[in-house]
Amino acid sequence: MTRPPTAAQRRLIEAADPVTGRLRGTGAQLAALVKRGLAFRHPRPPHDHFLTPAGHRIREAGPGTPAGPAPDAGVFTARVGGEEEPPGTGADRRRQVHSAWQGLLELRRMTNPDGAADRPCAWERTHLVRAAALALEAAGHLPAGGGTDGYRVRATPQPEAVAVYAPDAGALADCAATLERAGWQAGEYTEPRTRARFVLASPRRV
């Protein structure tokens, strides 16, 4: 288990901008957060420091909670739809989703060569289903499961593409629009055998 941040480090984390995660502090303080994986230094001037997804989770979790690993290590998982034991849907879950989405936007800014946050980054291209599901859940779409008929995100044989299913044509179109706003290319198709409609979505590169 990762050692929790010091009281001084937690104060910096809690004082970060609630949306962007931008940090203020001395060079030594910020460097210490970077060393622990809780912050990163933006590669372009003015080289501001921002919370990483792990830093965002500490901010949202409250005092005494240890730093979690990266988003793909099981601490937070976006709902892909159809989970046998879905997580809660209350205010805590909404905060977690918001924090994860903001952290992903910062990851885009940090890792895309031009610092763009309007299109997917390398992490999303290697975690297609979870990345698309996070974009949908963060936008307020309801996933299937727990007695709710909602979206389902599934892997496909095609490289860099996921399939999204929804209960009706309107919900499917809304999912496609959300993914396009999140930097994905999305189009509706029909399965040859079942005639079911679905959205095929791929991360946009430019």
N, C-alpha and C. Protein backbone atom coordinates (compact mmCIF):
# COMPACT_ATOMS: atom_id res chain seq x y z
N MET A 1 0.85 -1.19 0.00
CA MET A 1 0.00 0.00 0.00
C MET A 1 0.88 1.25 0.00
N THR A 2 0.55 2.19 -0.79
CA THR A 2 1.35 3.40 -0.92
C THR A 2 1.20 4.28 0.32
N ARG A 3 2.32 4.80 0.80
CA ARG A 3 2.30 5.65 1.98
C ARG A 3 1.49 6.92 1.68
N PRO A 4 0.58 7.31 2.58
CA PRO A 4 -0.23 8.50 2.32
C PRO A 4 0.63 9.75 2.32
N PRO A 5 0.17 10.80 1.67
CA PRO A 5 0.94 12.05 1.62
C PRO A 5 1.05 12.67 3.00
N THR A 6 2.06 13.50 3.18
CA THR A 6 2.22 14.22 4.44
C THR A 6 1.11 15.26 4.57
N ALA A 7 0.99 15.82 5.77
CA ALA A 7 -0.04 16.84 5.99
C ALA A 7 0.18 18.04 5.07
N ALA A 8 1.44 18.42 4.88
CA ALA A 8 1.74 19.56 4.00
C ALA A 8 1.40 19.24 2.55
N GLN A 9 1.70 18.02 2.13
CA GLN A 9 1.37 17.63 0.76
C GLN A 9 -0.14 17.55 0.55
N ARG A 10 -0.85 17.07 1.56
CA ARG A 10 -2.31 17.00 1.42
C ARG A 10 -2.90 18.40 1.32
N ARG A 11 -2.34 19.35 2.04
CA ARG A 11 -2.85 20.72 1.94
C ARG A 11 -2.68 21.26 0.52
N LEU A 12 -1.54 20.95 -0.10
CA LEU A 12 -1.33 21.38 -1.48
C LEU A 12 -2.35 20.72 -2.41
N ILE A 13 -2.57 19.42 -2.20
CA ILE A 13 -3.51 18.68 -3.04
C ILE A 13 -4.92 19.24 -2.88
N GLU A 14 -5.32 19.49 -1.64
CA GLU A 14 -6.67 19.99 -1.39
C GLU A 14 -6.86 21.41 -1.90
N ALA A 15 -5.75 22.17 -2.03
CA ALA A 15 -5.83 23.55 -2.52
C ALA A 15 -5.75 23.63 -4.04
N ALA A 16 -5.57 22.50 -4.70
CA ALA A 16 -5.48 22.50 -6.16
C ALA A 16 -6.81 22.94 -6.77
N ASP A 17 -6.71 23.45 -7.99
CA ASP A 17 -7.93 23.85 -8.69
C ASP A 17 -8.88 22.65 -8.79
N PRO A 18 -10.14 22.80 -8.39
CA PRO A 18 -11.05 21.65 -8.32
C PRO A 18 -11.35 21.02 -9.67
N VAL A 19 -11.16 21.73 -10.75
CA VAL A 19 -11.47 21.19 -12.08
C VAL A 19 -10.21 20.76 -12.81
N THR A 20 -9.23 21.66 -12.92
CA THR A 20 -8.03 21.34 -13.69
C THR A 20 -6.98 20.59 -12.89
N GLY A 21 -7.02 20.70 -11.56
CA GLY A 21 -5.99 20.08 -10.74
C GLY A 21 -4.70 20.86 -10.70
N ARG A 22 -4.73 22.12 -11.10
CA ARG A 22 -3.50 22.93 -11.11
C ARG A 22 -3.05 23.19 -9.68
N LEU A 23 -1.75 23.05 -9.45
CA LEU A 23 -1.17 23.15 -8.11
C LEU A 23 -0.36 24.42 -7.94
N ARG A 24 -0.30 24.88 -6.69
CA ARG A 24 0.55 26.00 -6.32
C ARG A 24 1.43 25.57 -5.16
N GLY A 25 2.71 25.90 -5.22
CA GLY A 25 3.60 25.55 -4.12
C GLY A 25 5.03 25.88 -4.49
N THR A 26 5.95 25.60 -3.57
CA THR A 26 7.35 25.83 -3.85
C THR A 26 7.87 24.76 -4.80
N GLY A 27 9.02 25.01 -5.39
CA GLY A 27 9.60 24.03 -6.29
C GLY A 27 9.84 22.69 -5.61
N ALA A 28 10.32 22.73 -4.38
CA ALA A 28 10.59 21.49 -3.66
C ALA A 28 9.31 20.73 -3.34
N GLN A 29 8.26 21.48 -2.95
CA GLN A 29 6.99 20.82 -2.64
C GLN A 29 6.40 20.15 -3.87
N LEU A 30 6.42 20.85 -4.99
CA LEU A 30 5.86 20.29 -6.21
C LEU A 30 6.70 19.12 -6.71
N ALA A 31 8.00 19.23 -6.60
CA ALA A 31 8.87 18.13 -7.02
C ALA A 31 8.61 16.87 -6.19
N ALA A 32 8.31 17.04 -4.91
CA ALA A 32 8.02 15.89 -4.05
C ALA A 32 6.74 15.20 -4.49
N LEU A 33 5.74 15.99 -4.89
CA LEU A 33 4.50 15.39 -5.37
C LEU A 33 4.72 14.66 -6.69
N VAL A 34 5.55 15.24 -7.55
CA VAL A 34 5.87 14.59 -8.82
C VAL A 34 6.57 13.25 -8.58
N LYS A 35 7.52 13.24 -7.64
CA LYS A 35 8.28 12.03 -7.33
C LYS A 35 7.36 10.92 -6.85
N ARG A 36 6.28 11.28 -6.16
CA ARG A 36 5.36 10.28 -5.63
C ARG A 36 4.25 9.92 -6.62
N GLY A 37 4.29 10.53 -7.81
CA GLY A 37 3.28 10.21 -8.81
C GLY A 37 1.94 10.89 -8.59
N LEU A 38 1.92 11.92 -7.73
CA LEU A 38 0.67 12.61 -7.44
C LEU A 38 0.51 13.88 -8.26
N ALA A 39 1.55 14.29 -8.95
CA ALA A 39 1.51 15.50 -9.78
C ALA A 39 2.44 15.31 -10.96
N PHE A 40 2.24 16.13 -11.98
CA PHE A 40 3.17 16.14 -13.10
C PHE A 40 3.43 17.58 -13.51
N ARG A 41 4.59 17.79 -14.09
CA ARG A 41 4.99 19.11 -14.58
C ARG A 41 4.68 19.19 -16.06
N HIS A 42 3.86 20.17 -16.44
CA HIS A 42 3.48 20.29 -17.84
C HIS A 42 4.72 20.56 -18.68
N PRO A 43 4.86 19.86 -19.82
CA PRO A 43 6.09 20.00 -20.61
C PRO A 43 6.25 21.34 -21.31
N ARG A 44 5.18 22.13 -21.42
CA ARG A 44 5.28 23.40 -22.12
C ARG A 44 5.23 24.57 -21.14
N PRO A 45 5.89 25.69 -21.48
CA PRO A 45 5.83 26.87 -20.61
C PRO A 45 4.38 27.27 -20.37
N PRO A 46 4.04 27.75 -19.17
CA PRO A 46 4.94 28.09 -18.05
C PRO A 46 5.28 26.92 -17.15
N HIS A 47 5.12 25.69 -17.63
CA HIS A 47 5.50 24.48 -16.88
C HIS A 47 4.79 24.39 -15.53
N ASP A 48 3.49 24.65 -15.54
CA ASP A 48 2.72 24.51 -14.30
C ASP A 48 2.63 23.04 -13.90
N HIS A 49 2.28 22.83 -12.64
CA HIS A 49 2.12 21.48 -12.11
C HIS A 49 0.64 21.18 -11.92
N PHE A 50 0.26 19.93 -12.20
CA PHE A 50 -1.13 19.49 -12.11
C PHE A 50 -1.20 18.14 -11.40
N LEU A 51 -2.34 17.88 -10.79
CA LEU A 51 -2.56 16.58 -10.17
C LEU A 51 -2.64 15.49 -11.24
N THR A 52 -2.07 14.35 -10.95
CA THR A 52 -2.27 13.16 -11.77
C THR A 52 -3.60 12.53 -11.37
N PRO A 53 -4.07 11.49 -12.10
CA PRO A 53 -5.28 10.79 -11.65
C PRO A 53 -5.19 10.29 -10.22
N ALA A 54 -4.00 9.82 -9.80
CA ALA A 54 -3.84 9.38 -8.41
C ALA A 54 -3.99 10.55 -7.45
N GLY A 55 -3.46 11.72 -7.82
CA GLY A 55 -3.63 12.91 -6.99
C GLY A 55 -5.07 13.35 -6.89
N HIS A 56 -5.78 13.27 -8.01
CA HIS A 56 -7.21 13.61 -7.99
C HIS A 56 -7.98 12.67 -7.06
N ARG A 57 -7.62 11.39 -7.08
CA ARG A 57 -8.35 10.44 -6.23
C ARG A 57 -8.11 10.73 -4.75
N ILE A 58 -6.89 11.12 -4.39
CA ILE A 58 -6.62 11.48 -2.99
C ILE A 58 -7.45 12.69 -2.60
N ARG A 59 -7.53 13.66 -3.49
CA ARG A 59 -8.32 14.87 -3.21
C ARG A 59 -9.78 14.52 -2.97
N GLU A 60 -10.31 13.62 -3.79
CA GLU A 60 -11.73 13.26 -3.67
C GLU A 60 -12.00 12.34 -2.49
N ALA A 61 -11.01 11.50 -2.14
CA ALA A 61 -11.25 10.47 -1.13
C ALA A 61 -11.32 11.02 0.28
N GLY A 62 -10.62 12.13 0.55
CA GLY A 62 -10.65 12.69 1.90
C GLY A 62 -9.44 12.26 2.71
N PRO A 63 -9.32 12.77 3.94
CA PRO A 63 -8.14 12.52 4.77
C PRO A 63 -7.95 11.05 5.07
N GLY A 64 -6.67 10.66 5.16
CA GLY A 64 -6.33 9.32 5.62
C GLY A 64 -6.38 8.25 4.57
N THR A 65 -6.68 8.58 3.32
CA THR A 65 -6.77 7.57 2.28
C THR A 65 -5.45 7.50 1.53
N PRO A 66 -4.87 6.31 1.40
CA PRO A 66 -3.59 6.20 0.71
C PRO A 66 -3.73 6.45 -0.77
N ALA A 67 -2.62 6.80 -1.40
CA ALA A 67 -2.64 7.04 -2.84
C ALA A 67 -2.94 5.75 -3.57
N GLY A 68 -3.77 5.81 -4.56
CA GLY A 68 -4.11 4.64 -5.35
C GLY A 68 -3.21 4.52 -6.54
N PRO A 69 -3.19 3.35 -7.18
CA PRO A 69 -2.42 3.17 -8.40
C PRO A 69 -3.10 3.80 -9.58
N ALA A 70 -2.56 3.59 -10.75
CA ALA A 70 -3.10 4.21 -11.96
C ALA A 70 -4.50 3.71 -12.24
N PRO A 71 -5.27 4.41 -13.10
CA PRO A 71 -6.66 4.07 -13.34
C PRO A 71 -6.87 2.65 -13.81
N ASP A 72 -5.90 2.04 -14.49
CA ASP A 72 -6.10 0.70 -15.02
C ASP A 72 -5.71 -0.38 -14.02
N ALA A 73 -5.42 -0.02 -12.77
CA ALA A 73 -4.97 -1.01 -11.79
C ALA A 73 -6.07 -1.40 -10.83
N GLY A 74 -7.30 -1.01 -11.06
CA GLY A 74 -8.41 -1.51 -10.30
C GLY A 74 -8.95 -0.59 -9.24
N VAL A 75 -8.34 0.56 -9.00
CA VAL A 75 -8.86 1.48 -8.00
C VAL A 75 -10.16 2.10 -8.49
N PHE A 76 -10.15 2.56 -9.71
CA PHE A 76 -11.37 3.09 -10.30
C PHE A 76 -11.55 2.45 -11.67
N THR A 77 -12.76 2.00 -11.95
CA THR A 77 -13.07 1.44 -13.25
C THR A 77 -14.37 2.02 -13.74
N ALA A 78 -14.31 2.63 -14.91
CA ALA A 78 -15.54 3.15 -15.50
C ALA A 78 -16.47 1.99 -15.82
N ARG A 79 -17.74 2.24 -15.73
CA ARG A 79 -18.73 1.19 -15.97
C ARG A 79 -18.92 0.98 -17.47
N VAL A 80 -18.67 -0.25 -17.91
CA VAL A 80 -18.84 -0.58 -19.32
C VAL A 80 -20.25 -1.05 -19.62
N GLY A 81 -21.03 -1.32 -18.57
CA GLY A 81 -22.40 -1.79 -18.75
C GLY A 81 -22.50 -3.29 -18.64
N GLY A 82 -23.47 -3.76 -17.86
CA GLY A 82 -23.68 -5.19 -17.71
C GLY A 82 -22.90 -5.84 -16.60
N GLU A 83 -22.29 -5.05 -15.69
CA GLU A 83 -21.54 -5.62 -14.57
C GLU A 83 -22.47 -6.43 -13.66
N GLU A 84 -21.98 -7.56 -13.17
CA GLU A 84 -22.78 -8.38 -12.26
C GLU A 84 -22.97 -7.68 -10.92
N GLU A 85 -21.93 -6.98 -10.46
CA GLU A 85 -22.01 -6.23 -9.20
C GLU A 85 -21.60 -4.79 -9.46
N PRO A 86 -22.49 -3.99 -10.01
CA PRO A 86 -22.13 -2.60 -10.33
C PRO A 86 -21.89 -1.79 -9.08
N PRO A 87 -21.00 -0.79 -9.16
CA PRO A 87 -20.77 0.09 -8.01
C PRO A 87 -21.97 0.98 -7.76
N GLY A 88 -21.92 1.73 -6.69
CA GLY A 88 -23.02 2.61 -6.35
C GLY A 88 -23.24 3.69 -7.40
N THR A 89 -24.39 4.32 -7.31
CA THR A 89 -24.73 5.36 -8.29
C THR A 89 -24.97 6.71 -7.63
N GLY A 90 -24.60 6.84 -6.37
CA GLY A 90 -24.87 8.07 -5.64
C GLY A 90 -23.82 9.14 -5.85
N ALA A 91 -23.80 10.09 -4.91
CA ALA A 91 -22.90 11.24 -5.02
C ALA A 91 -21.44 10.81 -5.01
N ASP A 92 -21.08 9.80 -4.23
CA ASP A 92 -19.69 9.35 -4.18
C ASP A 92 -19.23 8.86 -5.55
N ARG A 93 -20.08 8.09 -6.20
CA ARG A 93 -19.73 7.58 -7.53
C ARG A 93 -19.59 8.74 -8.52
N ARG A 94 -20.49 9.69 -8.46
CA ARG A 94 -20.41 10.83 -9.38
C ARG A 94 -19.11 11.60 -9.17
N ARG A 95 -18.69 11.76 -7.93
CA ARG A 95 -17.43 12.45 -7.65
C ARG A 95 -16.25 11.65 -8.20
N GLN A 96 -16.29 10.35 -8.03
CA GLN A 96 -15.22 9.51 -8.55
C GLN A 96 -15.12 9.61 -10.06
N VAL A 97 -16.26 9.57 -10.72
CA VAL A 97 -16.27 9.65 -12.18
C VAL A 97 -15.75 11.00 -12.64
N HIS A 98 -16.22 12.06 -11.99
CA HIS A 98 -15.76 13.41 -12.36
C HIS A 98 -14.25 13.52 -12.18
N SER A 99 -13.74 13.02 -11.05
CA SER A 99 -12.31 13.10 -10.78
C SER A 99 -11.52 12.31 -11.81
N ALA A 100 -12.00 11.11 -12.16
CA ALA A 100 -11.30 10.28 -13.15
C ALA A 100 -11.29 10.95 -14.51
N TRP A 101 -12.39 11.57 -14.89
CA TRP A 101 -12.46 12.24 -16.19
C TRP A 101 -11.52 13.44 -16.22
N GLN A 102 -11.50 14.24 -15.16
CA GLN A 102 -10.59 15.38 -15.12
C GLN A 102 -9.14 14.92 -15.15
N GLY A 103 -8.87 13.82 -14.45
CA GLY A 103 -7.52 13.27 -14.48
C GLY A 103 -7.13 12.80 -15.88
N LEU A 104 -8.09 12.22 -16.60
CA LEU A 104 -7.80 11.77 -17.95
C LEU A 104 -7.56 12.95 -18.89
N LEU A 105 -8.30 14.03 -18.71
CA LEU A 105 -8.05 15.22 -19.53
C LEU A 105 -6.64 15.76 -19.29
N GLU A 106 -6.20 15.75 -18.03
CA GLU A 106 -4.85 16.20 -17.74
C GLU A 106 -3.82 15.24 -18.33
N LEU A 107 -4.14 13.95 -18.32
CA LEU A 107 -3.24 12.97 -18.93
C LEU A 107 -3.12 13.25 -20.43
N ARG A 108 -4.21 13.64 -21.06
CA ARG A 108 -4.14 14.02 -22.47
C ARG A 108 -3.22 15.21 -22.67
N ARG A 109 -3.40 16.23 -21.84
CA ARG A 109 -2.57 17.42 -21.98
C ARG A 109 -1.09 17.10 -21.76
N MET A 110 -0.84 16.15 -20.87
CA MET A 110 0.53 15.83 -20.53
C MET A 110 1.19 14.96 -21.59
N THR A 111 0.44 14.05 -22.22
CA THR A 111 1.07 13.05 -23.09
C THR A 111 0.83 13.26 -24.57
N ASN A 112 -0.19 13.98 -24.99
CA ASN A 112 -0.33 14.28 -26.41
C ASN A 112 0.79 15.23 -26.83
N PRO A 113 1.41 14.99 -27.96
CA PRO A 113 2.57 15.80 -28.36
C PRO A 113 2.30 17.30 -28.38
N ASP A 114 1.09 17.69 -28.77
CA ASP A 114 0.78 19.12 -28.83
C ASP A 114 0.02 19.60 -27.60
N GLY A 115 -0.11 18.74 -26.58
CA GLY A 115 -0.80 19.13 -25.36
C GLY A 115 -2.29 19.25 -25.51
N ALA A 116 -2.86 18.67 -26.58
CA ALA A 116 -4.31 18.79 -26.82
C ALA A 116 -5.09 17.91 -25.85
N ALA A 117 -6.18 18.44 -25.31
CA ALA A 117 -7.05 17.68 -24.42
C ALA A 117 -8.34 17.28 -25.10
N ASP A 118 -8.50 17.63 -26.38
CA ASP A 118 -9.76 17.35 -27.07
C ASP A 118 -9.73 16.07 -27.88
N ARG A 119 -8.67 15.30 -27.76
CA ARG A 119 -8.64 14.00 -28.44
C ARG A 119 -7.91 12.99 -27.56
N PRO A 120 -8.20 11.70 -27.71
CA PRO A 120 -7.64 10.67 -26.84
C PRO A 120 -6.12 10.59 -26.89
N CYS A 121 -5.56 10.08 -25.80
CA CYS A 121 -4.12 9.94 -25.67
C CYS A 121 -3.74 8.46 -25.79
N ALA A 122 -2.46 8.18 -25.63
CA ALA A 122 -1.96 6.82 -25.81
C ALA A 122 -2.61 5.85 -24.81
N TRP A 123 -2.81 6.29 -23.58
CA TRP A 123 -3.43 5.39 -22.59
C TRP A 123 -4.80 4.93 -23.06
N GLU A 124 -5.57 5.84 -23.63
CA GLU A 124 -6.90 5.48 -24.09
C GLU A 124 -6.85 4.49 -25.25
N ARG A 125 -5.82 4.60 -26.08
CA ARG A 125 -5.71 3.70 -27.23
C ARG A 125 -5.35 2.28 -26.80
N THR A 126 -4.81 2.13 -25.62
CA THR A 126 -4.50 0.80 -25.11
C THR A 126 -5.53 0.31 -24.09
N HIS A 127 -6.52 1.14 -23.79
CA HIS A 127 -7.61 0.77 -22.88
C HIS A 127 -8.93 1.28 -23.48
N LEU A 128 -9.21 0.82 -24.69
CA LEU A 128 -10.31 1.39 -25.48
C LEU A 128 -11.66 1.30 -24.77
N VAL A 129 -11.99 0.13 -24.27
CA VAL A 129 -13.31 -0.05 -23.67
C VAL A 129 -13.48 0.83 -22.45
N ARG A 130 -12.48 0.83 -21.57
CA ARG A 130 -12.59 1.64 -20.36
C ARG A 130 -12.58 3.13 -20.67
N ALA A 131 -11.80 3.53 -21.68
CA ALA A 131 -11.74 4.94 -22.04
C ALA A 131 -13.07 5.42 -22.59
N ALA A 132 -13.66 4.66 -23.49
CA ALA A 132 -14.96 5.04 -24.05
C ALA A 132 -16.04 5.03 -22.98
N ALA A 133 -15.98 4.03 -22.09
CA ALA A 133 -16.98 3.95 -21.02
C ALA A 133 -16.87 5.15 -20.08
N LEU A 134 -15.65 5.58 -19.79
CA LEU A 134 -15.48 6.74 -18.91
C LEU A 134 -16.06 7.99 -19.55
N ALA A 135 -15.83 8.17 -20.85
CA ALA A 135 -16.39 9.33 -21.54
C ALA A 135 -17.92 9.33 -21.45
N LEU A 136 -18.52 8.16 -21.59
CA LEU A 136 -19.98 8.06 -21.53
C LEU A 136 -20.50 8.29 -20.11
N GLU A 137 -19.86 7.63 -19.14
CA GLU A 137 -20.33 7.77 -17.76
C GLU A 137 -20.13 9.18 -17.25
N ALA A 138 -19.00 9.80 -17.62
CA ALA A 138 -18.73 11.17 -17.18
C ALA A 138 -19.74 12.15 -17.76
N ALA A 139 -20.29 11.83 -18.92
CA ALA A 139 -21.28 12.71 -19.56
C ALA A 139 -22.69 12.47 -19.04
N GLY A 140 -22.85 11.51 -18.13
CA GLY A 140 -24.16 11.30 -17.52
C GLY A 140 -24.99 10.19 -18.12
N HIS A 141 -24.44 9.43 -19.06
CA HIS A 141 -25.19 8.31 -19.63
C HIS A 141 -25.29 7.18 -18.60
N LEU A 142 -26.39 6.48 -18.61
CA LEU A 142 -26.61 5.38 -17.67
C LEU A 142 -26.13 4.07 -18.27
N PRO A 143 -25.27 3.35 -17.55
CA PRO A 143 -24.83 2.04 -18.04
C PRO A 143 -25.86 0.97 -17.72
N ALA A 144 -25.85 -0.11 -18.48
CA ALA A 144 -26.73 -1.23 -18.20
C ALA A 144 -26.28 -1.94 -16.93
N GLY A 145 -27.24 -2.50 -16.20
CA GLY A 145 -26.91 -3.23 -14.99
C GLY A 145 -27.71 -2.74 -13.81
N GLY A 146 -27.86 -3.60 -12.82
CA GLY A 146 -28.60 -3.22 -11.62
C GLY A 146 -30.05 -2.89 -11.91
N GLY A 147 -30.64 -3.59 -12.87
CA GLY A 147 -32.04 -3.34 -13.21
C GLY A 147 -32.23 -2.19 -14.18
N THR A 148 -31.14 -1.58 -14.63
CA THR A 148 -31.23 -0.46 -15.57
C THR A 148 -30.79 -0.92 -16.95
N ASP A 149 -31.54 -0.54 -17.96
CA ASP A 149 -31.20 -0.85 -19.34
C ASP A 149 -30.49 0.36 -19.93
N GLY A 150 -29.18 0.29 -20.03
CA GLY A 150 -28.41 1.43 -20.51
C GLY A 150 -27.37 1.02 -21.52
N TYR A 151 -26.32 1.81 -21.62
CA TYR A 151 -25.30 1.54 -22.62
C TYR A 151 -24.43 0.34 -22.22
N ARG A 152 -23.84 -0.27 -23.23
CA ARG A 152 -22.85 -1.34 -23.06
C ARG A 152 -21.71 -1.08 -24.03
N VAL A 153 -20.49 -1.06 -23.52
CA VAL A 153 -19.31 -0.86 -24.36
C VAL A 153 -18.58 -2.19 -24.45
N ARG A 154 -18.27 -2.59 -25.68
CA ARG A 154 -17.64 -3.89 -25.89
C ARG A 154 -16.47 -3.78 -26.86
N ALA A 155 -15.49 -4.66 -26.68
CA ALA A 155 -14.35 -4.72 -27.60
C ALA A 155 -14.81 -5.30 -28.93
N THR A 156 -14.05 -5.01 -29.97
CA THR A 156 -14.34 -5.53 -31.31
C THR A 156 -13.06 -6.12 -31.90
N PRO A 157 -13.19 -6.93 -32.96
CA PRO A 157 -11.99 -7.46 -33.63
C PRO A 157 -11.20 -6.38 -34.35
N GLN A 158 -11.81 -5.24 -34.59
CA GLN A 158 -11.12 -4.19 -35.32
C GLN A 158 -10.12 -3.48 -34.40
N PRO A 159 -8.97 -3.12 -34.94
CA PRO A 159 -7.99 -2.38 -34.13
C PRO A 159 -8.50 -0.98 -33.81
N GLU A 160 -8.28 -0.58 -32.56
CA GLU A 160 -8.66 0.75 -32.08
C GLU A 160 -10.13 1.07 -32.33
N ALA A 161 -11.00 0.12 -32.02
CA ALA A 161 -12.43 0.36 -32.19
C ALA A 161 -13.21 -0.38 -31.12
N VAL A 162 -14.24 0.27 -30.60
CA VAL A 162 -15.15 -0.36 -29.65
C VAL A 162 -16.57 -0.27 -30.21
N ALA A 163 -17.41 -1.15 -29.74
CA ALA A 163 -18.83 -1.13 -30.11
C ALA A 163 -19.64 -0.68 -28.90
N VAL A 164 -20.57 0.22 -29.13
CA VAL A 164 -21.44 0.72 -28.06
C VAL A 164 -22.88 0.39 -28.42
N TYR A 165 -23.57 -0.25 -27.49
CA TYR A 165 -24.98 -0.60 -27.67
C TYR A 165 -25.81 0.21 -26.69
N ALA A 166 -27.04 0.51 -27.07
CA ALA A 166 -27.93 1.30 -26.22
C ALA A 166 -29.36 0.77 -26.39
N PRO A 167 -30.26 1.10 -25.44
CA PRO A 167 -31.61 0.53 -25.47
C PRO A 167 -32.45 0.94 -26.68
N ASP A 168 -32.22 2.12 -27.22
CA ASP A 168 -33.05 2.60 -28.33
C ASP A 168 -32.24 3.51 -29.22
N ALA A 169 -32.84 3.90 -30.32
CA ALA A 169 -32.13 4.71 -31.32
C ALA A 169 -31.71 6.06 -30.77
N GLY A 170 -32.57 6.67 -29.96
CA GLY A 170 -32.24 7.97 -29.40
C GLY A 170 -31.05 7.91 -28.47
N ALA A 171 -31.05 6.90 -27.60
CA ALA A 171 -29.93 6.75 -26.66
C ALA A 171 -28.64 6.43 -27.40
N LEU A 172 -28.75 5.65 -28.47
CA LEU A 172 -27.57 5.31 -29.25
C LEU A 172 -26.97 6.55 -29.92
N ALA A 173 -27.84 7.38 -30.48
CA ALA A 173 -27.38 8.61 -31.11
C ALA A 173 -26.74 9.54 -30.08
N ASP A 174 -27.30 9.59 -28.88
CA ASP A 174 -26.72 10.43 -27.82
C ASP A 174 -25.33 9.93 -27.44
N CYS A 175 -25.16 8.61 -27.37
CA CYS A 175 -23.84 8.05 -27.04
C CYS A 175 -22.83 8.42 -28.13
N ALA A 176 -23.24 8.33 -29.38
CA ALA A 176 -22.35 8.68 -30.48
C ALA A 176 -21.93 10.14 -30.40
N ALA A 177 -22.89 11.02 -30.10
CA ALA A 177 -22.59 12.45 -30.00
C ALA A 177 -21.62 12.73 -28.85
N THR A 178 -21.81 12.04 -27.72
CA THR A 178 -20.91 12.23 -26.58
C THR A 178 -19.49 11.81 -26.92
N LEU A 179 -19.35 10.66 -27.57
CA LEU A 179 -18.02 10.18 -27.92
C LEU A 179 -17.35 11.12 -28.92
N GLU A 180 -18.11 11.66 -29.85
CA GLU A 180 -17.53 12.60 -30.81
C GLU A 180 -17.02 13.85 -30.09
N ARG A 181 -17.80 14.33 -29.11
CA ARG A 181 -17.35 15.50 -28.34
C ARG A 181 -16.11 15.18 -27.52
N ALA A 182 -15.96 13.91 -27.15
CA ALA A 182 -14.81 13.49 -26.34
C ALA A 182 -13.59 13.16 -27.20
N GLY A 183 -13.68 13.36 -28.51
CA GLY A 183 -12.53 13.15 -29.36
C GLY A 183 -12.49 11.83 -30.09
N TRP A 184 -13.64 11.16 -30.17
CA TRP A 184 -13.72 9.89 -30.87
C TRP A 184 -14.44 10.07 -32.20
N GLN A 185 -14.13 9.20 -33.16
CA GLN A 185 -14.90 9.11 -34.39
C GLN A 185 -15.96 8.04 -34.19
N ALA A 186 -17.21 8.36 -34.45
CA ALA A 186 -18.29 7.43 -34.15
C ALA A 186 -19.29 7.38 -35.30
N GLY A 187 -19.70 6.18 -35.64
CA GLY A 187 -20.71 6.00 -36.68
C GLY A 187 -21.62 4.84 -36.33
N GLU A 188 -22.86 4.89 -36.76
CA GLU A 188 -23.83 3.83 -36.46
C GLU A 188 -23.82 2.77 -37.55
N TYR A 189 -23.93 1.51 -37.11
CA TYR A 189 -23.92 0.37 -38.02
C TYR A 189 -24.96 -0.65 -37.56
N THR A 190 -25.21 -1.65 -38.40
CA THR A 190 -26.14 -2.72 -38.08
C THR A 190 -25.43 -4.05 -38.17
N GLU A 191 -25.59 -4.88 -37.13
CA GLU A 191 -24.98 -6.21 -37.16
C GLU A 191 -25.69 -7.07 -38.20
N PRO A 192 -24.94 -7.72 -39.07
CA PRO A 192 -25.58 -8.50 -40.15
C PRO A 192 -26.50 -9.61 -39.65
N ARG A 193 -26.10 -10.31 -38.58
CA ARG A 193 -26.89 -11.46 -38.14
C ARG A 193 -28.07 -11.06 -37.27
N THR A 194 -27.82 -10.23 -36.27
CA THR A 194 -28.87 -9.90 -35.31
C THR A 194 -29.69 -8.68 -35.70
N ARG A 195 -29.16 -7.89 -36.66
CA ARG A 195 -29.79 -6.63 -37.06
C ARG A 195 -29.81 -5.59 -35.95
N ALA A 196 -29.01 -5.82 -34.92
CA ALA A 196 -28.94 -4.85 -33.82
C ALA A 196 -28.10 -3.65 -34.26
N ARG A 197 -28.55 -2.47 -33.89
CA ARG A 197 -27.81 -1.25 -34.20
C ARG A 197 -26.76 -1.00 -33.12
N PHE A 198 -25.63 -0.49 -33.53
CA PHE A 198 -24.57 -0.17 -32.57
C PHE A 198 -23.73 0.97 -33.12
N VAL A 199 -22.96 1.58 -32.23
CA VAL A 199 -22.02 2.63 -32.61
C VAL A 199 -20.63 2.04 -32.61
N LEU A 200 -19.91 2.22 -33.70
CA LEU A 200 -18.51 1.83 -33.77
C LEU A 200 -17.69 3.10 -33.58
N ALA A 201 -16.86 3.11 -32.55
CA ALA A 201 -16.12 4.32 -32.18
C ALA A 201 -14.62 4.05 -32.12
N SER A 202 -13.84 5.00 -32.64
CA SER A 202 -12.38 4.91 -32.62
C SER A 202 -11.80 6.23 -32.15
N PRO A 203 -10.69 6.21 -31.41
CA PRO A 203 -10.06 7.46 -30.97
C PRO A 203 -9.59 8.28 -32.17
N ARG A 204 -9.91 9.54 -32.17
CA ARG A 204 -9.47 10.42 -33.24
C ARG A 204 -7.99 10.76 -33.05
N ARG A 205 -7.26 10.82 -34.15
CA ARG A 205 -5.83 11.11 -34.09
C ARG A 205 -5.51 12.57 -34.36
N VAL A 206 -6.32 13.25 -35.13
CA VAL A 206 -6.05 14.67 -35.43
C VAL A 206 -7.33 15.46 -35.27
